[in-house]
Protein backbone atom coordinates (compact mmCIF):
# COMPACT_ATOMS: atom_id res chain seq x y z
CA UNK A 1 62.09 110.15 100.38
CA UNK A 2 65.53 108.48 100.62
CA UNK A 3 67.03 108.13 97.13
CA UNK A 4 70.21 106.23 96.72
CA UNK A 5 71.62 109.73 95.28
CA UNK A 6 71.26 111.21 98.57
CA UNK A 7 74.24 109.39 99.89
CA UNK A 8 77.75 109.33 98.90
CA UNK A 9 81.13 107.46 100.62
CA UNK A 10 82.88 109.21 103.03
CA UNK A 11 86.37 109.11 101.11
CA UNK A 12 84.50 111.56 98.86
CA UNK A 13 84.05 114.23 101.71
CA UNK A 14 86.47 116.84 102.17
CA UNK A 15 87.27 115.36 105.69
CA UNK A 16 88.72 112.36 104.49
CA UNK A 17 92.16 113.35 103.37
CA UNK A 18 91.90 115.50 106.92
CA UNK A 19 91.33 112.49 109.25
CA UNK A 20 93.71 110.38 107.10
CA UNK A 21 96.67 112.63 107.59
CA UNK A 22 95.89 113.28 111.46
CA UNK A 23 95.59 109.34 111.66
CA UNK A 24 99.11 109.38 109.87
CA UNK A 25 100.68 111.82 112.35
CA UNK A 26 98.98 110.07 115.30
CA UNK A 27 100.38 106.95 114.65
CA UNK A 28 104.04 108.04 113.60
CA UNK A 29 104.28 109.54 116.62
CA UNK A 30 103.19 106.83 118.83
CA UNK A 31 105.08 104.44 117.27
CA UNK A 32 107.99 106.63 117.40
CA UNK A 33 107.97 107.55 121.20
CA UNK A 34 107.10 103.63 122.25
CA UNK A 35 110.05 102.31 120.28
CA UNK A 36 112.47 105.50 120.87
CA UNK A 37 114.94 103.53 123.04
CA UNK A 38 115.19 100.90 120.34
CA UNK A 39 115.64 103.22 117.45
CA UNK A 40 118.21 105.67 119.00
CA UNK A 41 121.68 104.95 116.94
CA UNK A 42 124.70 106.68 118.37
CA UNK A 43 125.99 109.34 116.23
CA UNK A 44 129.80 110.56 116.30
CA UNK A 45 129.40 113.64 114.62
CA UNK A 46 129.04 116.48 116.67
CA UNK A 47 127.30 118.56 113.99
CA UNK A 48 124.72 116.00 112.99
CA UNK A 49 124.47 114.99 116.79
CA UNK A 50 123.70 118.86 117.37
CA UNK A 51 121.25 118.85 114.69
CA UNK A 52 119.18 115.57 115.68
CA UNK A 53 118.52 116.96 119.36
CA UNK A 54 117.08 120.19 118.07
CA UNK A 55 114.89 119.02 115.23
CA UNK A 56 114.21 115.75 116.04
CA UNK A 57 110.66 116.32 116.49
CA UNK A 58 110.02 118.39 113.52
CA UNK A 59 111.49 116.01 110.67
CA UNK A 60 108.25 113.83 110.45
CA UNK A 61 106.07 117.35 110.53
CA UNK A 62 107.59 118.58 107.57
CA UNK A 63 107.45 115.35 105.96
CA UNK A 64 103.57 114.88 106.63
CA UNK A 65 103.18 118.75 105.42
CA UNK A 66 105.08 117.64 102.43
CA UNK A 67 102.56 114.74 101.67
CA UNK A 68 99.79 116.94 102.61
CA UNK A 69 100.44 119.44 99.86
CA UNK A 70 100.93 116.73 97.18
CA UNK A 71 97.50 115.51 98.18
CA UNK A 72 95.98 118.52 98.13
CA UNK A 73 97.63 119.14 95.30
CA UNK A 74 96.28 116.14 93.54
CA UNK A 75 92.46 116.92 95.12
CA UNK A 76 92.86 120.45 93.01
CA UNK A 77 93.54 119.04 89.89
CA UNK A 78 90.74 116.57 90.34
CA UNK A 79 88.56 119.29 91.10
CA UNK A 80 89.40 120.95 87.97
CA UNK A 81 88.71 118.17 85.74
CA UNK A 82 85.66 117.46 87.65
CA UNK A 83 85.96 113.85 88.68
CA UNK A 84 83.69 113.56 91.52
CA UNK A 85 83.68 109.56 91.45
CA UNK A 86 85.01 107.80 94.99
CA UNK A 87 87.26 105.66 93.31
CA UNK A 88 89.34 108.48 91.74
CA UNK A 89 89.80 110.17 95.27
CA UNK A 90 90.31 106.39 96.85
CA UNK A 91 93.23 106.17 93.66
CA UNK A 92 94.66 109.36 95.21
CA UNK A 93 95.24 108.37 98.68
CA UNK A 94 96.61 105.46 97.44
CA UNK A 95 99.03 106.92 95.45
CA UNK A 96 100.65 109.07 97.70
CA UNK A 97 100.44 106.48 100.87
CA UNK A 98 101.61 103.46 98.31
CA UNK A 99 104.52 105.83 97.13
CA UNK A 100 105.23 106.76 100.73
CA UNK A 101 104.97 103.21 101.97
CA UNK A 102 107.30 101.41 99.36
CA UNK A 103 110.08 104.58 99.60
CA UNK A 104 110.74 103.71 103.26
CA UNK A 105 110.28 99.98 102.61
CA UNK A 106 113.20 100.77 99.96
CA UNK A 107 115.16 102.80 102.14
CA UNK A 108 115.48 100.28 105.04
CA UNK A 109 115.66 97.46 103.54
CA UNK A 110 117.10 98.38 100.11
CA UNK A 111 119.45 101.39 100.65
CA UNK A 112 122.87 101.33 101.89
CA UNK A 113 123.81 103.59 104.90
CA UNK A 114 127.10 105.28 104.21
CA UNK A 115 126.56 108.54 106.18
CA UNK A 116 125.71 109.11 109.45
CA UNK A 117 122.94 111.54 108.29
CA UNK A 118 121.38 108.73 106.25
CA UNK A 119 121.76 105.94 109.28
CA UNK A 120 119.99 108.28 111.66
CA UNK A 121 117.02 108.90 109.20
CA UNK A 122 116.65 105.49 107.89
CA UNK A 123 116.88 103.69 111.24
CA UNK A 124 114.90 106.40 113.34
CA UNK A 125 112.03 107.13 111.03
CA UNK A 126 111.37 104.26 108.88
CA UNK A 127 109.46 101.77 110.90
CA UNK A 128 107.33 104.75 111.88
CA UNK A 129 106.59 105.80 108.52
CA UNK A 130 106.00 102.19 107.30
CA UNK A 131 103.44 101.58 110.30
CA UNK A 132 101.59 105.24 109.86
CA UNK A 133 101.50 104.53 105.89
CA UNK A 134 99.91 100.81 106.43
CA UNK A 135 97.45 102.29 108.92
CA UNK A 136 96.29 104.88 106.51
CA UNK A 137 95.86 102.41 103.88
CA UNK A 138 93.74 100.37 105.90
CA UNK A 139 91.59 102.77 107.08
CA UNK A 140 91.07 104.31 103.82
CA UNK A 141 89.64 100.90 102.63
CA UNK A 142 87.15 100.90 105.46
CA UNK A 143 86.57 104.43 104.52
CA UNK A 144 85.03 103.59 101.07
CA UNK A 145 81.96 101.42 102.72
CA UNK A 146 80.71 104.03 104.69
CA UNK A 147 78.00 106.32 103.20
CA UNK A 148 77.11 109.65 104.50
CA UNK A 149 74.65 112.13 103.55
CA UNK A 150 75.20 114.73 100.99
CA UNK A 151 75.67 118.20 102.19
């Protein structure tokens, strides 16, 4: 007999944060490589130029790992407190990715760029980070409406 308690929302599953992170990194790198020629800023300093040529592809991955750790830490706290509602999972995802979205909007539109490192990081990573955060937030809203069978 099918009961309404046999189903749960996909946002509550253990796979939802992982799939959202994969979506985040996929959207980021696809937009980053599509806009590669438009976002390159000339760097005069040799030390900054040396750093950017060696580690340009690891900076977003490290930021993505930081977001992953923060979200899993919040999910662990949720698990300890025993809040197993779908709205809690959704609010945790909103908390992490809304903060990420507004952080990069603040950097791109309002923060002054005093140093070459700030110019490089803000100009090259802000637009892909904003689009990746918006896409994750949009997909997380869609995941609320998808129901799966409890395991």
